[in-house]
N, C-alpha and C. Protein backbone atom coordinates (compact mmCIF):
# COMPACT_ATOMS: atom_id res chain seq x y z
N UNK A 1 97.04 89.17 97.88
CA UNK A 1 96.45 88.09 98.65
C UNK A 1 95.17 87.57 97.81
N UNK A 2 94.38 88.78 97.50
CA UNK A 2 93.12 88.38 96.86
C UNK A 2 93.35 87.34 95.72
N UNK A 3 92.46 86.21 95.62
CA UNK A 3 92.51 85.45 94.53
C UNK A 3 91.30 85.90 93.49
N UNK A 4 91.13 87.14 92.82
CA UNK A 4 90.07 87.74 92.24
C UNK A 4 89.75 87.06 91.05
N UNK A 5 90.58 86.05 90.48
CA UNK A 5 90.43 85.57 89.43
C UNK A 5 89.46 84.04 89.57
N UNK A 6 89.56 83.54 90.91
CA UNK A 6 88.74 82.68 91.25
C UNK A 6 87.43 82.71 91.44
N UNK A 7 86.72 81.77 91.00
CA UNK A 7 85.14 81.57 90.96
C UNK A 7 84.70 80.66 91.91
N UNK A 8 83.67 80.77 92.74
CA UNK A 8 83.33 79.54 93.62
C UNK A 8 81.61 79.49 93.43
N UNK A 9 81.24 78.09 93.35
CA UNK A 9 79.73 77.83 93.09
C UNK A 9 79.14 77.70 94.25
N UNK A 10 78.35 78.49 94.73
CA UNK A 10 77.61 78.52 95.88
C UNK A 10 76.31 77.60 95.89
N UNK A 11 75.94 77.66 94.91
CA UNK A 11 74.53 76.88 94.45
C UNK A 11 74.70 76.63 93.00
N UNK A 12 73.50 75.85 92.64
CA UNK A 12 73.37 75.52 91.46
C UNK A 12 72.94 76.89 90.68
N UNK A 13 73.87 77.11 89.71
CA UNK A 13 73.53 78.47 88.73
C UNK A 13 73.91 79.70 89.65
N UNK A 14 74.37 79.80 91.06
CA UNK A 14 75.10 81.00 91.64
C UNK A 14 76.67 80.59 91.93
N UNK A 15 77.23 81.82 91.33
CA UNK A 15 78.57 81.57 91.79
C UNK A 15 79.08 82.98 92.21
N UNK A 16 80.10 83.27 93.01
CA UNK A 16 80.90 84.29 93.68
C UNK A 16 82.06 84.21 93.47
N UNK A 17 82.39 85.45 93.04
CA UNK A 17 83.89 85.62 92.79
C UNK A 17 84.84 85.83 93.76
N UNK A 18 86.03 85.43 93.79
CA UNK A 18 87.07 85.37 94.85
C UNK A 18 87.03 86.73 95.55
N UNK A 19 87.04 87.82 94.65
CA UNK A 19 87.18 89.17 95.14
C UNK A 19 85.77 89.59 95.95
N UNK A 20 85.00 89.07 95.58
CA UNK A 20 83.55 89.20 96.59
C UNK A 20 83.73 88.58 97.86
N UNK A 21 84.25 87.20 97.88
CA UNK A 21 84.56 86.59 99.09
C UNK A 21 85.69 87.44 99.95
N UNK A 22 86.69 88.17 99.31
CA UNK A 22 87.63 88.91 100.02
C UNK A 22 87.07 89.98 100.73
N UNK A 23 85.95 90.42 99.96
CA UNK A 23 85.42 91.91 100.61
C UNK A 23 84.48 91.41 101.80
N UNK A 24 83.92 90.39 101.41
CA UNK A 24 83.06 89.91 102.90
C UNK A 24 83.91 89.74 103.86
N UNK A 25 84.97 88.77 103.77
CA UNK A 25 85.83 88.61 104.95
C UNK A 25 86.48 89.96 105.43
N UNK A 26 86.86 90.87 104.73
CA UNK A 26 87.62 92.18 105.11
C UNK A 26 86.64 92.84 105.82
N UNK A 27 85.38 93.01 105.36
CA UNK A 27 84.32 93.79 106.00
C UNK A 27 83.93 93.21 107.40
N UNK A 28 83.72 91.86 107.49
CA UNK A 28 83.47 91.44 108.73
C UNK A 28 84.62 91.58 109.65
N UNK A 29 85.92 91.19 109.27
CA UNK A 29 87.12 91.34 110.11
C UNK A 29 87.04 92.80 110.88
N UNK A 30 87.06 93.65 109.73
CA UNK A 30 87.06 95.04 110.47
C UNK A 30 85.82 95.69 111.38
N UNK A 31 85.18 94.93 111.24
CA UNK A 31 83.77 95.18 112.22
C UNK A 31 83.93 94.76 113.71
N UNK A 32 85.38 94.13 114.05
CA UNK A 32 85.51 93.69 115.40
C UNK A 32 86.50 94.71 115.97
N UNK A 33 86.08 95.29 117.07
CA UNK A 33 86.53 96.10 117.70
C UNK A 33 87.94 95.96 118.04
N UNK A 34 89.01 96.58 117.72
CA UNK A 34 90.57 96.32 117.85
C UNK A 34 91.20 96.12 116.60
N UNK A 35 90.17 95.80 115.46
CA UNK A 35 90.87 95.65 114.30
C UNK A 35 90.75 97.09 113.45
N UNK A 36 92.11 97.61 113.41
CA UNK A 36 92.00 98.98 112.96
C UNK A 36 91.81 99.00 111.40
N UNK A 37 92.43 98.12 110.71
CA UNK A 37 92.37 97.94 109.10
C UNK A 37 92.84 96.56 108.72
N UNK A 38 92.71 96.54 107.13
CA UNK A 38 93.33 95.25 106.73
C UNK A 38 94.84 95.74 106.34
N UNK A 39 95.89 94.89 106.03
CA UNK A 39 97.05 95.43 105.63
C UNK A 39 96.94 96.08 104.41
N UNK A 40 97.80 97.30 104.47
CA UNK A 40 97.59 98.02 103.00
C UNK A 40 96.63 99.38 103.60
N UNK A 41 96.37 99.38 104.84
CA UNK A 41 95.52 100.41 105.56
C UNK A 41 94.09 100.66 105.09
N UNK A 42 93.65 99.39 104.87
CA UNK A 42 91.83 99.53 104.09
C UNK A 42 91.08 99.38 105.44
N UNK A 43 90.68 100.60 105.56
CA UNK A 43 89.36 100.41 106.74
C UNK A 43 88.46 99.82 106.04
N UNK A 44 87.11 99.92 107.14
CA UNK A 44 86.00 99.28 106.55
C UNK A 44 85.13 100.08 105.57
N UNK A 45 85.37 101.42 105.57
CA UNK A 45 84.84 102.16 104.84
C UNK A 45 85.61 102.37 103.39
N UNK A 46 86.79 101.62 103.22
CA UNK A 46 87.45 101.66 102.11
C UNK A 46 87.38 100.47 101.23
N UNK A 47 87.27 99.45 101.83
CA UNK A 47 87.45 98.11 101.56
C UNK A 47 86.42 97.79 99.90
N UNK A 48 85.37 98.15 100.09
CA UNK A 48 84.45 97.91 98.69
C UNK A 48 84.97 98.77 97.57
N UNK A 49 85.60 99.83 97.95
CA UNK A 49 86.16 100.98 96.92
C UNK A 49 87.33 100.56 96.38
N UNK A 50 88.08 99.55 97.00
CA UNK A 50 89.55 99.21 96.66
C UNK A 50 89.57 98.51 95.41
N UNK A 51 90.87 98.68 94.81
CA UNK A 51 91.27 97.68 93.57
C UNK A 51 91.49 96.43 94.19
N UNK A 52 91.26 95.33 93.35
CA UNK A 52 91.81 94.10 93.80
C UNK A 52 93.10 93.94 94.28
N UNK A 53 94.12 94.96 93.53
CA UNK A 53 95.66 94.77 94.12
C UNK A 53 95.49 95.44 95.41
N UNK A 54 95.07 96.27 95.72
CA UNK A 54 95.00 96.84 97.09
C UNK A 54 94.57 95.74 98.11
N UNK A 55 93.40 95.28 97.88
CA UNK A 55 92.49 94.37 98.45
C UNK A 55 93.55 93.12 98.99
N UNK A 56 94.30 92.78 97.91
CA UNK A 56 95.20 91.54 97.87
C UNK A 56 96.13 91.66 98.98
N UNK A 57 96.34 92.90 99.39
CA UNK A 57 97.45 93.19 100.71
C UNK A 57 96.77 92.54 102.05
N UNK A 58 95.52 92.49 101.93
CA UNK A 58 95.06 91.96 103.42
C UNK A 58 94.16 90.81 103.48
N UNK A 59 93.73 90.30 102.08
CA UNK A 59 93.08 89.14 102.06
C UNK A 59 93.34 88.15 100.91
N UNK A 60 93.15 86.85 101.20
CA UNK A 60 93.47 85.80 100.16
C UNK A 60 92.52 84.63 100.47
N UNK A 61 91.69 84.27 99.33
CA UNK A 61 90.99 83.30 99.46
C UNK A 61 91.51 82.06 98.54
N UNK A 62 91.55 80.93 99.19
CA UNK A 62 92.02 79.96 98.48
C UNK A 62 91.19 78.67 98.88
N UNK A 63 91.00 77.76 97.82
CA UNK A 63 90.31 76.60 97.92
C UNK A 63 89.40 76.19 96.83
N UNK A 64 88.19 75.47 96.88
CA UNK A 64 87.60 75.13 95.88
C UNK A 64 86.00 75.15 96.35
N UNK A 65 85.09 74.78 95.58
CA UNK A 65 83.43 74.73 95.83
C UNK A 65 83.19 74.30 97.22
N UNK A 66 84.17 73.34 97.68
CA UNK A 66 83.39 72.65 98.98
C UNK A 66 84.24 73.13 99.96
N UNK A 67 85.51 73.76 99.89
CA UNK A 67 85.90 74.17 101.36
C UNK A 67 87.01 75.14 100.88
N UNK A 68 86.86 76.53 101.67
CA UNK A 68 87.66 77.64 101.17
C UNK A 68 88.57 77.75 102.77
N UNK A 69 89.79 78.27 102.32
CA UNK A 69 91.06 78.70 103.39
C UNK A 69 90.89 80.18 102.96
N UNK A 70 91.12 81.11 104.31
CA UNK A 70 91.42 82.57 104.16
C UNK A 70 92.42 82.82 104.66
N UNK A 71 93.21 83.68 104.43
CA UNK A 71 94.44 84.28 104.90
C UNK A 71 94.43 85.97 104.83
N UNK A 72 94.63 86.32 106.05
CA UNK A 72 94.35 87.67 106.39
C UNK A 72 95.67 88.52 106.98
N UNK A 73 95.72 89.45 106.54
CA UNK A 73 96.81 90.12 107.49
C UNK A 73 96.23 91.63 107.96
N UNK A 74 96.28 91.88 109.00
CA UNK A 74 95.55 92.93 109.91
C UNK A 74 96.35 93.85 110.56
N UNK A 75 95.93 95.19 110.60
CA UNK A 75 96.68 96.13 111.53
C UNK A 75 95.63 96.01 112.55
N UNK A 76 96.16 95.67 113.58
CA UNK A 76 95.18 95.94 115.08
C UNK A 76 95.89 97.38 115.87
N UNK A 77 94.50 97.65 116.87
CA UNK A 77 94.81 98.70 117.60
C UNK A 77 95.69 98.35 118.74
N UNK A 78 96.37 99.53 119.27
CA UNK A 78 97.16 98.90 120.45
C UNK A 78 96.39 98.90 121.57
N UNK A 79 96.60 97.78 122.55
CA UNK A 79 96.22 97.67 123.61
C UNK A 79 95.12 96.34 123.87
N UNK A 80 95.07 95.80 122.67
CA UNK A 80 93.94 94.76 122.76
C UNK A 80 95.10 93.29 122.95
N UNK A 81 94.21 92.29 123.55
CA UNK A 81 94.88 90.90 123.69
C UNK A 81 94.91 90.22 122.22
N UNK A 82 95.95 90.01 121.63
CA UNK A 82 96.08 89.66 120.31
C UNK A 82 95.46 88.30 120.02
N UNK A 83 96.00 87.26 121.10
CA UNK A 83 95.08 85.81 120.79
C UNK A 83 93.56 85.91 120.89
N UNK A 84 93.09 86.76 121.84
CA UNK A 84 91.69 86.71 121.82
C UNK A 84 91.20 87.57 120.72
N UNK A 85 91.80 88.84 120.29
CA UNK A 85 91.17 89.34 119.23
C UNK A 85 91.11 88.52 117.93
N UNK A 86 92.22 87.84 117.75
CA UNK A 86 92.50 87.05 116.44
C UNK A 86 91.16 86.00 116.48
N UNK A 87 90.89 85.44 117.49
CA UNK A 87 90.02 84.34 117.59
C UNK A 87 88.73 84.90 117.46
N UNK A 88 88.13 86.20 117.81
CA UNK A 88 87.12 86.90 117.57
C UNK A 88 86.72 87.13 115.86
N UNK A 89 87.96 87.62 115.39
CA UNK A 89 87.94 87.69 114.05
C UNK A 89 87.63 86.41 113.26
N UNK A 90 88.51 85.45 113.62
CA UNK A 90 88.53 84.08 113.07
C UNK A 90 86.73 83.60 112.98
N UNK A 91 85.99 83.73 114.23
CA UNK A 91 84.77 83.17 114.41
C UNK A 91 83.84 84.29 113.48
N UNK A 92 83.99 85.48 113.65
CA UNK A 92 83.21 86.48 112.87
C UNK A 92 83.36 86.17 111.48
N UNK A 93 84.32 86.16 111.06
CA UNK A 93 84.68 85.95 109.41
C UNK A 93 84.21 84.48 109.03
N UNK A 94 84.33 83.44 109.78
CA UNK A 94 83.76 82.18 109.28
C UNK A 94 82.24 82.17 109.36
N UNK A 95 81.56 82.76 110.30
CA UNK A 95 80.38 82.85 110.32
C UNK A 95 79.75 83.65 109.39
N UNK A 96 80.18 84.67 109.17
CA UNK A 96 79.75 85.48 107.91
C UNK A 96 79.82 85.06 106.51
N UNK A 97 80.90 84.51 106.35
CA UNK A 97 81.16 83.89 104.98
C UNK A 97 80.21 82.51 104.71
N UNK A 98 80.07 82.02 106.14
CA UNK A 98 79.24 80.52 105.78
C UNK A 98 77.88 80.98 105.69
N UNK A 99 77.41 81.80 106.45
CA UNK A 99 75.86 82.26 106.37
C UNK A 99 75.63 83.08 105.01
N UNK A 100 76.47 83.63 104.66
CA UNK A 100 76.01 84.60 103.19
C UNK A 100 76.30 83.70 102.13
N UNK A 101 77.15 82.65 102.09
CA UNK A 101 77.55 81.94 100.71
C UNK A 101 76.87 80.52 100.76
N UNK A 102 77.02 80.03 102.13
CA UNK A 102 76.77 78.66 102.41
C UNK A 102 77.88 77.93 102.26
N UNK A 103 78.95 78.36 101.94
CA UNK A 103 80.34 77.61 101.71
C UNK A 103 80.84 77.37 103.00
N UNK A 104 81.52 76.39 103.25
CA UNK A 104 82.32 75.77 104.53
C UNK A 104 83.74 76.35 104.39
N UNK A 105 84.14 77.20 105.48
CA UNK A 105 85.27 77.66 105.82
C UNK A 105 85.98 76.83 106.45
N UNK A 106 87.29 76.13 105.92
CA UNK A 106 87.87 75.22 106.54
C UNK A 106 89.01 75.87 107.68
N UNK A 107 89.67 77.13 107.30
CA UNK A 107 90.50 77.85 108.50
C UNK A 107 90.52 79.29 108.01
N UNK A 108 91.07 80.01 108.91
CA UNK A 108 91.34 81.42 108.69
C UNK A 108 92.58 81.55 109.44
N UNK A 109 93.69 81.83 108.49
CA UNK A 109 95.04 82.23 109.13
C UNK A 109 95.13 83.73 109.20
N UNK A 110 95.59 84.15 110.47
CA UNK A 110 95.85 85.66 110.55
C UNK A 110 97.35 86.00 110.76
N UNK A 111 97.68 87.07 110.00
CA UNK A 111 99.09 87.52 110.23
C UNK A 111 98.92 88.90 110.91
N UNK A 112 99.47 89.26 111.88
CA UNK A 112 99.44 90.75 112.28
C UNK A 112 100.70 91.46 111.61
N UNK A 113 100.11 92.36 110.67
CA UNK A 113 100.94 93.10 109.99
C UNK A 113 101.33 94.40 110.73
N UNK A 114 100.77 95.13 111.48
CA UNK A 114 101.12 96.13 112.31
C UNK A 114 100.08 96.18 113.57
N UNK A 115 100.59 97.24 114.45
CA UNK A 115 99.91 97.32 115.60
C UNK A 115 99.92 99.00 115.68
N UNK A 116 98.51 99.62 115.73
CA UNK A 116 98.56 101.05 115.33
C UNK A 116 97.92 101.63 116.74
N UNK A 117 98.76 102.88 117.12
CA UNK A 117 98.43 103.58 118.34
C UNK A 117 97.44 104.62 117.97
N UNK A 118 96.65 105.22 118.98
CA UNK A 118 96.13 106.22 118.75
C UNK A 118 96.48 107.64 118.57
N UNK A 119 97.76 107.70 118.52
CA UNK A 119 98.50 108.88 118.14
C UNK A 119 99.06 108.95 116.67
N UNK A 120 98.62 107.69 115.99
CA UNK A 120 99.05 107.67 114.56
C UNK A 120 98.04 108.43 113.68
């Protein structure tokens, strides 16, 4: 899902690679209690060390320099209210991307890839 070849101009003379945007989105999502990992079993500790192809399983960034759309595939922990948890993820990811880059996040679509129990 990662658009690592995309580059977003966040300010005059400052650009951010799509892969960096994916890392920011993935890290902020996995900070939410109840999010086990990104699809591909990428935990918070593994996200920055992952290859673009592995990260692509969990985050996709599309758009232009004025507005971006984020698509995420998440593995959730068992026992959490899915709509409420997804709303928390959307708010956290939007807030983090916008504060770190100054870019407008138009939407964040979340696909639940799996539910993980404590026994797994």
